């Protein structure tokens, strides 16, 4: 597969590869140079565990920012557009 670099230095990763590697729009990639080769490696964060609390699934607290109900509603609205 061949891709091009645009004037800003960007390369588009084809959708089938993004889907196969589960790369979303905000995915982080580590870039490595090895001789004449460039290697892009997805940065995978440790997943958080889901526990049942009173019969409800609860995701353990992470190190990132606090997510509110307003955030979730905004994301749901954006996905429905």
C-alpha atoms as a PDB file:
ATOM      1  CA  UNK A   1       0.000   0.000   0.000  1.00  0.00           C
ATOM      2  CA  UNK A   2       1.332   3.448  -0.878  1.00  0.00           C
ATOM      3  CA  UNK A   3       0.357   6.781   0.709  1.00  0.00           C
ATOM      4  CA  UNK A   4       1.560  10.323   0.072  1.00  0.00           C
ATOM      5  CA  UNK A   5       2.863  13.065   2.332  1.00  0.00           C
ATOM      6  CA  UNK A   6       1.038  16.406   1.915  1.00  0.00           C
ATOM      7  CA  UNK A   7       2.671  19.852   2.065  1.00  0.00           C
ATOM      8  CA  UNK A   8       2.172  20.020   5.837  1.00  0.00           C
ATOM      9  CA  UNK A   9       4.012  16.699   6.268  1.00  0.00           C
ATOM     10  CA  UNK A  10       0.871  14.699   7.063  1.00  0.00           C
ATOM     11  CA  UNK A  11       0.241  11.104   6.073  1.00  0.00           C
ATOM     12  CA  UNK A  12      -3.244   9.605   6.041  1.00  0.00           C
ATOM     13  CA  UNK A  13      -3.458   6.106   7.498  1.00  0.00           C
ATOM     14  CA  UNK A  14      -5.987   4.191   5.366  1.00  0.00           C
ATOM     15  CA  UNK A  15      -9.318   3.400   7.048  1.00  0.00           C
ATOM     16  CA  UNK A  16      -8.967  -0.381   6.824  1.00  0.00           C
ATOM     17  CA  UNK A  17      -5.675  -0.181   8.754  1.00  0.00           C
ATOM     18  CA  UNK A  18      -7.154   2.224  11.334  1.00  0.00           C
ATOM     19  CA  UNK A  19     -10.099  -0.145  11.796  1.00  0.00           C
ATOM     20  CA  UNK A  20      -7.869  -3.224  12.085  1.00  0.00           C
ATOM     21  CA  UNK A  21      -5.727  -1.525  14.759  1.00  0.00           C
ATOM     22  CA  UNK A  22      -8.690   0.205  16.478  1.00  0.00           C
ATOM     23  CA  UNK A  23      -7.210   3.667  15.944  1.00  0.00           C
ATOM     24  CA  UNK A  24      -9.615   6.532  16.587  1.00  0.00           C
ATOM     25  CA  UNK A  25      -9.155  10.158  15.501  1.00  0.00           C
ATOM     26  CA  UNK A  26      -7.347  11.108  18.734  1.00  0.00           C
ATOM     27  CA  UNK A  27      -5.107   8.038  18.865  1.00  0.00           C
ATOM     28  CA  UNK A  28      -1.498   8.653  19.844  1.00  0.00           C
ATOM     29  CA  UNK A  29       1.301   7.068  17.848  1.00  0.00           C
ATOM     30  CA  UNK A  30       4.944   6.627  18.787  1.00  0.00           C
ATOM     31  CA  UNK A  31       7.202   7.362  15.810  1.00  0.00           C
ATOM     32  CA  UNK A  32      10.499   5.525  15.466  1.00  0.00           C
ATOM     33  CA  UNK A  33      13.199   5.946  12.832  1.00  0.00           C
ATOM     34  CA  UNK A  34      15.280   2.887  11.946  1.00  0.00           C
ATOM     35  CA  UNK A  35      17.762   3.627   9.174  1.00  0.00           C
ATOM     36  CA  UNK A  36      15.637   4.520   6.140  1.00  0.00           C
ATOM     37  CA  UNK A  37      12.400   3.274   7.735  1.00  0.00           C
ATOM     38  CA  UNK A  38       9.697   5.003   9.775  1.00  0.00           C
ATOM     39  CA  UNK A  39       7.627   2.945  12.179  1.00  0.00           C
ATOM     40  CA  UNK A  40       4.384   4.166  13.783  1.00  0.00           C
ATOM     41  CA  UNK A  41       3.358   2.275  16.926  1.00  0.00           C
ATOM     42  CA  UNK A  42       0.016   2.907  18.658  1.00  0.00           C
ATOM     43  CA  UNK A  43       0.384   4.063  22.263  1.00  0.00           C
ATOM     44  CA  UNK A  44      -1.832   1.743  24.297  1.00  0.00           C
ATOM     45  CA  UNK A  45      -2.915   2.796  27.728  1.00  0.00           C
ATOM     46  CA  UNK A  46      -3.697   0.258  30.408  1.00  0.00           C
ATOM     47  CA  UNK A  47      -7.429  -0.300  30.387  1.00  0.00           C
ATOM     48  CA  UNK A  48      -9.486   0.360  33.470  1.00  0.00           C
ATOM     49  CA  UNK A  49     -11.363  -2.447  35.148  1.00  0.00           C
ATOM     50  CA  UNK A  50     -15.174  -2.600  35.336  1.00  0.00           C
ATOM     51  CA  UNK A  51     -16.683  -3.692  38.656  1.00  0.00           C
ATOM     52  CA  UNK A  52     -20.275  -4.377  39.582  1.00  0.00           C
ATOM     53  CA  UNK A  53     -21.563  -2.143  42.385  1.00  0.00           C
ATOM     54  CA  UNK A  54     -25.116  -2.944  43.505  1.00  0.00           C
ATOM     55  CA  UNK A  55     -25.628  -4.673  40.167  1.00  0.00           C
ATOM     56  CA  UNK A  56     -24.403  -1.687  38.122  1.00  0.00           C
ATOM     57  CA  UNK A  57     -21.183  -1.694  36.060  1.00  0.00           C
ATOM     58  CA  UNK A  58     -18.757   0.926  37.380  1.00  0.00           C
ATOM     59  CA  UNK A  59     -15.466   1.779  35.678  1.00  0.00           C
ATOM     60  CA  UNK A  60     -12.590   2.222  38.109  1.00  0.00           C
ATOM     61  CA  UNK A  61     -11.249   5.719  38.477  1.00  0.00           C
ATOM     62  CA  UNK A  62      -8.376   6.609  36.163  1.00  0.00           C
ATOM     63  CA  UNK A  63      -5.572   9.151  36.214  1.00  0.00           C
ATOM     64  CA  UNK A  64      -7.203  11.346  33.581  1.00  0.00           C
ATOM     65  CA  UNK A  65      -9.711  14.152  33.923  1.00  0.00           C
ATOM     66  CA  UNK A  66     -13.047  13.637  35.649  1.00  0.00           C
ATOM     67  CA  UNK A  67     -15.799  12.832  33.143  1.00  0.00           C
ATOM     68  CA  UNK A  68     -19.201  14.293  33.933  1.00  0.00           C
ATOM     69  CA  UNK A  69     -22.706  13.462  32.736  1.00  0.00           C
ATOM     70  CA  UNK A  70     -22.525  16.624  30.609  1.00  0.00           C
ATOM     71  CA  UNK A  71     -19.421  15.241  28.838  1.00  0.00           C
ATOM     72  CA  UNK A  72     -21.154  11.935  28.102  1.00  0.00           C
ATOM     73  CA  UNK A  73     -24.277  13.684  26.778  1.00  0.00           C
ATOM     74  CA  UNK A  74     -22.140  15.927  24.533  1.00  0.00           C
ATOM     75  CA  UNK A  75     -20.351  12.858  23.097  1.00  0.00           C
ATOM     76  CA  UNK A  76     -23.640  11.037  22.537  1.00  0.00           C
ATOM     77  CA  UNK A  77     -25.116  14.074  20.767  1.00  0.00           C
ATOM     78  CA  UNK A  78     -22.014  14.390  18.561  1.00  0.00           C
ATOM     79  CA  UNK A  79     -22.213  10.692  17.569  1.00  0.00           C
ATOM     80  CA  UNK A  80     -25.868  11.058  16.557  1.00  0.00           C
ATOM     81  CA  UNK A  81     -25.139  13.840  14.046  1.00  0.00           C
END
